[in-house]
Amino acid sequence: MSKIIRQSISIKATPEQVYQTLMDSKLHSELTDSPAKMSSEVGGSFTAYDGYIQGKNLELVPNKIIVQKWRGSGENWPPKYFSKIKYELTEVPGGTRIDFTHEDVPEAEHDNIKQGWIDNYWMQLENKFGKL
């Protein structure tokens, strides 16, 4: 069984700043304070958190949409199993709203992954740019 995670956040950054922070290896590594290797091409592979997270880019619309095949390395994450994440970036007065969806999350990993997005990405983006 799998679950879906839906989260939204608004920060004081342009869609371009958010997109670059998520998709650039150096900026992603700085955001998470952990090694990341990000491809900026559809079909390209990525890793984050020193390989704990890995996947492939499925759809990229610069400064608007990022869709990725995604997997974690948690003890309850099935081997070779991939979920799907989508960031939708919308310009709003003073910044960007990020609407995020994570589909096909293994049920045993749901709570951990749900909190992980908050702790490891949304709070980090708020700290870097400021919350709207």
N, C-alpha and C. Protein backbone atom coordinates (compact mmCIF):
# COMPACT_ATOMS: atom_id res chain seq x y z
N MET A 1 0.85 -1.19 0.00
CA MET A 1 0.00 0.00 0.00
C MET A 1 0.89 1.25 0.00
N SER A 2 0.41 2.25 -0.72
CA SER A 2 1.16 3.50 -0.77
C SER A 2 0.25 4.66 -0.42
N LYS A 3 0.88 5.78 -0.10
CA LYS A 3 0.15 6.96 0.30
C LYS A 3 0.63 8.17 -0.49
N ILE A 4 -0.13 9.27 -0.36
CA ILE A 4 0.21 10.53 -1.01
C ILE A 4 0.46 11.58 0.07
N ILE A 5 1.48 12.40 -0.16
CA ILE A 5 1.79 13.54 0.71
C ILE A 5 1.53 14.80 -0.12
N ARG A 6 0.77 15.73 0.44
CA ARG A 6 0.55 17.04 -0.20
C ARG A 6 0.92 18.11 0.81
N GLN A 7 1.78 19.03 0.39
CA GLN A 7 2.21 20.12 1.26
C GLN A 7 2.36 21.38 0.42
N SER A 8 2.15 22.54 1.06
CA SER A 8 2.35 23.83 0.40
C SER A 8 3.11 24.75 1.33
N ILE A 9 3.91 25.61 0.74
CA ILE A 9 4.68 26.59 1.49
C ILE A 9 4.82 27.83 0.62
N SER A 10 4.87 28.99 1.24
CA SER A 10 5.12 30.24 0.52
C SER A 10 6.34 30.90 1.13
N ILE A 11 7.30 31.27 0.26
CA ILE A 11 8.55 31.86 0.74
C ILE A 11 8.87 33.13 -0.05
N LYS A 12 9.75 33.94 0.54
CA LYS A 12 10.17 35.21 -0.06
C LYS A 12 11.32 34.99 -1.03
N ALA A 13 11.02 34.34 -2.14
CA ALA A 13 12.00 34.10 -3.19
C ALA A 13 11.25 34.04 -4.51
N THR A 14 11.95 34.33 -5.58
CA THR A 14 11.32 34.22 -6.90
C THR A 14 11.23 32.75 -7.29
N PRO A 15 10.31 32.41 -8.21
CA PRO A 15 10.28 31.04 -8.70
C PRO A 15 11.65 30.60 -9.26
N GLU A 16 12.36 31.51 -9.91
CA GLU A 16 13.68 31.18 -10.45
C GLU A 16 14.65 30.82 -9.33
N GLN A 17 14.64 31.56 -8.23
CA GLN A 17 15.52 31.26 -7.10
C GLN A 17 15.19 29.89 -6.51
N VAL A 18 13.92 29.58 -6.37
CA VAL A 18 13.51 28.29 -5.82
C VAL A 18 13.93 27.16 -6.75
N TYR A 19 13.63 27.32 -8.02
CA TYR A 19 13.97 26.29 -9.02
C TYR A 19 15.47 26.04 -9.01
N GLN A 20 16.26 27.09 -9.06
CA GLN A 20 17.72 26.94 -9.06
C GLN A 20 18.22 26.28 -7.78
N THR A 21 17.66 26.64 -6.66
CA THR A 21 18.08 26.05 -5.38
C THR A 21 17.81 24.55 -5.36
N LEU A 22 16.70 24.12 -5.92
CA LEU A 22 16.36 22.70 -5.93
C LEU A 22 17.13 21.93 -6.99
N MET A 23 17.46 22.57 -8.12
CA MET A 23 18.00 21.85 -9.27
C MET A 23 19.51 22.01 -9.49
N ASP A 24 20.15 22.92 -8.80
CA ASP A 24 21.59 23.13 -8.94
C ASP A 24 22.33 22.36 -7.84
N SER A 25 23.32 21.57 -8.22
CA SER A 25 24.03 20.73 -7.24
C SER A 25 24.60 21.54 -6.08
N LYS A 26 25.28 22.63 -6.38
CA LYS A 26 25.91 23.44 -5.34
C LYS A 26 24.86 24.08 -4.42
N LEU A 27 23.83 24.68 -5.02
CA LEU A 27 22.80 25.34 -4.22
C LEU A 27 21.99 24.34 -3.40
N HIS A 28 21.69 23.18 -3.98
CA HIS A 28 20.96 22.14 -3.26
C HIS A 28 21.79 21.65 -2.08
N SER A 29 23.08 21.44 -2.31
CA SER A 29 23.98 20.99 -1.24
C SER A 29 24.05 22.02 -0.11
N GLU A 30 24.11 23.30 -0.48
CA GLU A 30 24.13 24.36 0.53
C GLU A 30 22.83 24.39 1.32
N LEU A 31 21.70 24.23 0.64
CA LEU A 31 20.39 24.25 1.30
C LEU A 31 20.28 23.14 2.33
N THR A 32 20.69 21.94 1.94
CA THR A 32 20.52 20.76 2.81
C THR A 32 21.73 20.47 3.67
N ASP A 33 22.81 21.22 3.47
CA ASP A 33 24.06 21.00 4.20
C ASP A 33 24.53 19.55 4.05
N SER A 34 24.36 19.03 2.83
CA SER A 34 24.72 17.65 2.53
C SER A 34 24.97 17.52 1.03
N PRO A 35 25.89 16.64 0.61
CA PRO A 35 26.19 16.52 -0.81
C PRO A 35 24.98 16.14 -1.67
N ALA A 36 24.85 16.86 -2.80
CA ALA A 36 23.81 16.58 -3.79
C ALA A 36 24.42 16.69 -5.18
N LYS A 37 23.95 15.84 -6.07
CA LYS A 37 24.36 15.90 -7.48
C LYS A 37 23.07 15.94 -8.29
N MET A 38 22.80 17.09 -8.88
CA MET A 38 21.54 17.30 -9.57
C MET A 38 21.77 17.45 -11.07
N SER A 39 21.01 16.73 -11.87
CA SER A 39 21.01 16.93 -13.31
C SER A 39 19.93 17.95 -13.63
N SER A 40 20.19 18.78 -14.63
CA SER A 40 19.19 19.76 -15.05
C SER A 40 18.48 19.33 -16.34
N GLU A 41 18.64 18.06 -16.70
CA GLU A 41 18.06 17.53 -17.93
C GLU A 41 16.95 16.52 -17.63
N VAL A 42 15.91 16.50 -18.47
CA VAL A 42 14.88 15.47 -18.36
C VAL A 42 15.56 14.12 -18.65
N GLY A 43 15.31 13.14 -17.81
CA GLY A 43 15.95 11.84 -17.91
C GLY A 43 17.24 11.75 -17.13
N GLY A 44 17.74 12.89 -16.67
CA GLY A 44 18.97 12.92 -15.89
C GLY A 44 18.75 12.43 -14.47
N SER A 45 19.79 11.88 -13.88
CA SER A 45 19.71 11.35 -12.52
C SER A 45 20.11 12.41 -11.49
N PHE A 46 19.69 12.19 -10.26
CA PHE A 46 20.10 13.05 -9.16
C PHE A 46 20.27 12.23 -7.89
N THR A 47 21.06 12.77 -6.97
CA THR A 47 21.15 12.23 -5.62
C THR A 47 21.16 13.42 -4.66
N ALA A 48 20.67 13.21 -3.47
CA ALA A 48 20.69 14.23 -2.42
C ALA A 48 20.96 13.53 -1.09
N TYR A 49 21.33 14.35 -0.13
CA TYR A 49 21.66 13.81 1.19
C TYR A 49 22.66 12.67 1.09
N ASP A 50 23.74 12.97 0.34
CA ASP A 50 24.88 12.05 0.20
C ASP A 50 24.43 10.67 -0.28
N GLY A 51 23.45 10.64 -1.20
CA GLY A 51 23.00 9.40 -1.79
C GLY A 51 21.80 8.76 -1.11
N TYR A 52 21.36 9.30 0.03
CA TYR A 52 20.19 8.74 0.72
C TYR A 52 18.95 8.84 -0.18
N ILE A 53 18.87 9.95 -0.95
CA ILE A 53 17.78 10.15 -1.90
C ILE A 53 18.36 10.03 -3.31
N GLN A 54 17.62 9.36 -4.19
CA GLN A 54 18.07 9.25 -5.57
C GLN A 54 16.87 9.18 -6.50
N GLY A 55 17.10 9.52 -7.77
CA GLY A 55 16.01 9.44 -8.73
C GLY A 55 16.38 9.99 -10.09
N LYS A 56 15.33 10.27 -10.87
CA LYS A 56 15.49 10.80 -12.24
C LYS A 56 14.47 11.90 -12.48
N ASN A 57 14.87 12.85 -13.30
CA ASN A 57 13.97 13.93 -13.70
C ASN A 57 13.02 13.43 -14.78
N LEU A 58 11.73 13.58 -14.55
CA LEU A 58 10.71 13.17 -15.52
C LEU A 58 10.19 14.33 -16.35
N GLU A 59 10.02 15.49 -15.72
CA GLU A 59 9.53 16.68 -16.40
C GLU A 59 10.13 17.90 -15.73
N LEU A 60 10.64 18.82 -16.54
CA LEU A 60 11.21 20.06 -16.02
C LEU A 60 10.70 21.22 -16.86
N VAL A 61 10.01 22.14 -16.21
CA VAL A 61 9.60 23.39 -16.84
C VAL A 61 10.26 24.47 -16.00
N PRO A 62 11.37 25.04 -16.50
CA PRO A 62 12.14 25.97 -15.68
C PRO A 62 11.27 27.01 -14.97
N ASN A 63 11.54 27.13 -13.67
CA ASN A 63 10.90 28.10 -12.79
C ASN A 63 9.41 27.85 -12.55
N LYS A 64 8.91 26.66 -12.98
CA LYS A 64 7.49 26.37 -12.81
C LYS A 64 7.22 24.97 -12.27
N ILE A 65 7.80 23.94 -12.88
CA ILE A 65 7.45 22.56 -12.52
C ILE A 65 8.70 21.69 -12.49
N ILE A 66 8.78 20.85 -11.47
CA ILE A 66 9.79 19.80 -11.37
C ILE A 66 9.04 18.52 -11.03
N VAL A 67 9.19 17.49 -11.88
CA VAL A 67 8.61 16.18 -11.61
C VAL A 67 9.75 15.18 -11.65
N GLN A 68 9.85 14.37 -10.57
CA GLN A 68 10.95 13.42 -10.46
C GLN A 68 10.48 12.06 -9.98
N LYS A 69 11.13 11.04 -10.51
CA LYS A 69 11.05 9.69 -9.96
C LYS A 69 11.98 9.72 -8.75
N TRP A 70 11.54 9.26 -7.58
CA TRP A 70 12.23 9.52 -6.32
C TRP A 70 12.20 8.28 -5.43
N ARG A 71 13.32 8.03 -4.77
CA ARG A 71 13.34 6.96 -3.77
C ARG A 71 14.26 7.35 -2.62
N GLY A 72 13.87 6.88 -1.45
CA GLY A 72 14.70 7.04 -0.27
C GLY A 72 15.42 5.74 0.02
N SER A 73 16.27 5.79 1.01
CA SER A 73 17.04 4.60 1.40
C SER A 73 16.70 4.15 2.81
N GLY A 74 15.52 4.55 3.30
CA GLY A 74 15.11 4.15 4.64
C GLY A 74 14.94 2.65 4.76
N GLU A 75 15.00 2.16 5.99
CA GLU A 75 14.93 0.71 6.22
C GLU A 75 13.62 0.10 5.75
N ASN A 76 12.55 0.90 5.67
CA ASN A 76 11.25 0.40 5.21
C ASN A 76 10.97 0.72 3.75
N TRP A 77 11.97 1.26 3.03
CA TRP A 77 11.77 1.58 1.62
C TRP A 77 12.09 0.34 0.80
N PRO A 78 11.13 -0.17 0.01
CA PRO A 78 11.38 -1.39 -0.77
C PRO A 78 12.53 -1.21 -1.77
N PRO A 79 13.37 -2.19 -1.94
CA PRO A 79 14.48 -2.11 -2.90
C PRO A 79 13.96 -1.83 -4.32
N LYS A 80 14.64 -0.95 -5.00
CA LYS A 80 14.36 -0.59 -6.39
C LYS A 80 12.97 0.01 -6.61
N TYR A 81 12.29 0.41 -5.55
CA TYR A 81 10.95 1.00 -5.65
C TYR A 81 11.07 2.52 -5.74
N PHE A 82 10.37 3.12 -6.71
CA PHE A 82 10.39 4.56 -6.87
C PHE A 82 9.00 5.15 -6.68
N SER A 83 8.96 6.30 -6.04
CA SER A 83 7.75 7.10 -5.93
C SER A 83 7.87 8.26 -6.92
N LYS A 84 6.96 9.21 -6.86
CA LYS A 84 6.98 10.34 -7.78
C LYS A 84 6.72 11.62 -7.00
N ILE A 85 7.57 12.63 -7.22
CA ILE A 85 7.35 13.93 -6.58
C ILE A 85 7.12 14.99 -7.64
N LYS A 86 6.37 16.02 -7.23
CA LYS A 86 6.11 17.15 -8.12
C LYS A 86 6.11 18.44 -7.32
N TYR A 87 6.95 19.37 -7.75
CA TYR A 87 6.95 20.73 -7.21
C TYR A 87 6.28 21.62 -8.25
N GLU A 88 5.28 22.38 -7.84
CA GLU A 88 4.68 23.39 -8.71
C GLU A 88 4.98 24.75 -8.09
N LEU A 89 5.67 25.60 -8.84
CA LEU A 89 6.10 26.90 -8.36
C LEU A 89 5.21 27.98 -8.96
N THR A 90 4.57 28.77 -8.11
CA THR A 90 3.67 29.82 -8.56
C THR A 90 4.11 31.14 -7.95
N GLU A 91 4.32 32.13 -8.81
CA GLU A 91 4.67 33.46 -8.32
C GLU A 91 3.46 34.06 -7.62
N VAL A 92 3.67 34.57 -6.42
CA VAL A 92 2.64 35.24 -5.63
C VAL A 92 3.23 36.57 -5.16
N PRO A 93 2.39 37.52 -4.73
CA PRO A 93 2.95 38.79 -4.26
C PRO A 93 4.02 38.57 -3.18
N GLY A 94 5.21 39.04 -3.44
CA GLY A 94 6.30 38.94 -2.46
C GLY A 94 7.10 37.65 -2.52
N GLY A 95 6.74 36.72 -3.40
CA GLY A 95 7.51 35.48 -3.42
C GLY A 95 6.93 34.38 -4.28
N THR A 96 7.07 33.15 -3.76
CA THR A 96 6.66 31.96 -4.50
C THR A 96 5.89 31.00 -3.59
N ARG A 97 4.81 30.45 -4.11
CA ARG A 97 4.12 29.36 -3.42
C ARG A 97 4.59 28.06 -4.07
N ILE A 98 4.99 27.12 -3.23
CA ILE A 98 5.37 25.80 -3.69
C ILE A 98 4.25 24.84 -3.30
N ASP A 99 3.62 24.24 -4.30
CA ASP A 99 2.64 23.18 -4.06
C ASP A 99 3.34 21.88 -4.39
N PHE A 100 3.42 21.02 -3.41
CA PHE A 100 4.22 19.81 -3.51
C PHE A 100 3.35 18.57 -3.34
N THR A 101 3.59 17.59 -4.20
CA THR A 101 2.89 16.30 -4.11
C THR A 101 3.92 15.19 -4.19
N HIS A 102 3.80 14.23 -3.29
CA HIS A 102 4.67 13.05 -3.29
C HIS A 102 3.74 11.84 -3.33
N GLU A 103 3.70 11.16 -4.48
CA GLU A 103 2.81 10.02 -4.69
C GLU A 103 3.55 8.70 -4.51
N ASP A 104 2.79 7.67 -4.20
CA ASP A 104 3.31 6.30 -4.10
C ASP A 104 4.36 6.14 -3.01
N VAL A 105 4.16 6.83 -1.89
CA VAL A 105 5.06 6.69 -0.75
C VAL A 105 4.70 5.38 -0.03
N PRO A 106 5.69 4.51 0.20
CA PRO A 106 5.39 3.28 0.94
C PRO A 106 4.77 3.62 2.30
N GLU A 107 3.70 2.92 2.63
CA GLU A 107 2.98 3.22 3.86
C GLU A 107 3.89 3.22 5.09
N ALA A 108 4.82 2.29 5.16
CA ALA A 108 5.72 2.19 6.32
C ALA A 108 6.67 3.38 6.43
N GLU A 109 6.86 4.13 5.34
CA GLU A 109 7.76 5.29 5.33
C GLU A 109 7.01 6.62 5.36
N HIS A 110 5.68 6.58 5.25
CA HIS A 110 4.88 7.80 5.08
C HIS A 110 5.16 8.86 6.13
N ASP A 111 5.03 8.54 7.41
CA ASP A 111 5.18 9.55 8.45
C ASP A 111 6.59 10.13 8.47
N ASN A 112 7.58 9.28 8.30
CA ASN A 112 8.97 9.72 8.29
C ASN A 112 9.24 10.65 7.11
N ILE A 113 8.77 10.28 5.92
CA ILE A 113 9.00 11.08 4.72
C ILE A 113 8.22 12.40 4.82
N LYS A 114 6.98 12.33 5.28
CA LYS A 114 6.16 13.55 5.42
C LYS A 114 6.86 14.57 6.31
N GLN A 115 7.35 14.14 7.45
CA GLN A 115 8.05 15.05 8.36
C GLN A 115 9.41 15.45 7.78
N GLY A 116 10.03 14.55 7.05
CA GLY A 116 11.32 14.84 6.43
C GLY A 116 11.25 16.00 5.45
N TRP A 117 10.18 16.09 4.67
CA TRP A 117 10.04 17.22 3.75
C TRP A 117 9.96 18.53 4.54
N ILE A 118 9.22 18.52 5.62
CA ILE A 118 9.09 19.74 6.44
C ILE A 118 10.44 20.12 7.03
N ASP A 119 11.09 19.17 7.70
CA ASP A 119 12.34 19.46 8.40
C ASP A 119 13.51 19.74 7.46
N ASN A 120 13.60 18.99 6.38
CA ASN A 120 14.81 19.03 5.55
C ASN A 120 14.71 19.90 4.31
N TYR A 121 13.50 20.31 3.95
CA TYR A 121 13.35 21.19 2.78
C TYR A 121 12.59 22.46 3.09
N TRP A 122 11.35 22.35 3.59
CA TRP A 122 10.54 23.55 3.75
C TRP A 122 11.13 24.49 4.81
N MET A 123 11.56 23.94 5.93
CA MET A 123 12.16 24.80 6.96
C MET A 123 13.48 25.39 6.46
N GLN A 124 14.23 24.63 5.70
CA GLN A 124 15.49 25.13 5.16
C GLN A 124 15.26 26.26 4.15
N LEU A 125 14.24 26.10 3.30
CA LEU A 125 13.91 27.18 2.36
C LEU A 125 13.43 28.43 3.10
N GLU A 126 12.62 28.24 4.14
CA GLU A 126 12.18 29.38 4.95
C GLU A 126 13.37 30.06 5.61
N ASN A 127 14.31 29.30 6.12
CA ASN A 127 15.49 29.88 6.76
C ASN A 127 16.34 30.64 5.75
N LYS A 128 16.45 30.11 4.55
CA LYS A 128 17.29 30.74 3.51
C LYS A 128 16.65 32.02 2.97
N PHE A 129 15.36 31.98 2.66
CA PHE A 129 14.70 33.08 1.96
C PHE A 129 13.73 33.88 2.82
N GLY A 130 13.16 33.27 3.83
CA GLY A 130 12.12 33.92 4.63
C GLY A 130 10.74 33.39 4.24
N LYS A 131 9.88 33.31 5.23
CA LYS A 131 8.52 32.79 5.03
C LYS A 131 7.58 33.93 4.72
N LEU A 132 6.65 33.70 3.79
CA LEU A 132 5.61 34.68 3.49
C LEU A 132 4.45 34.53 4.46
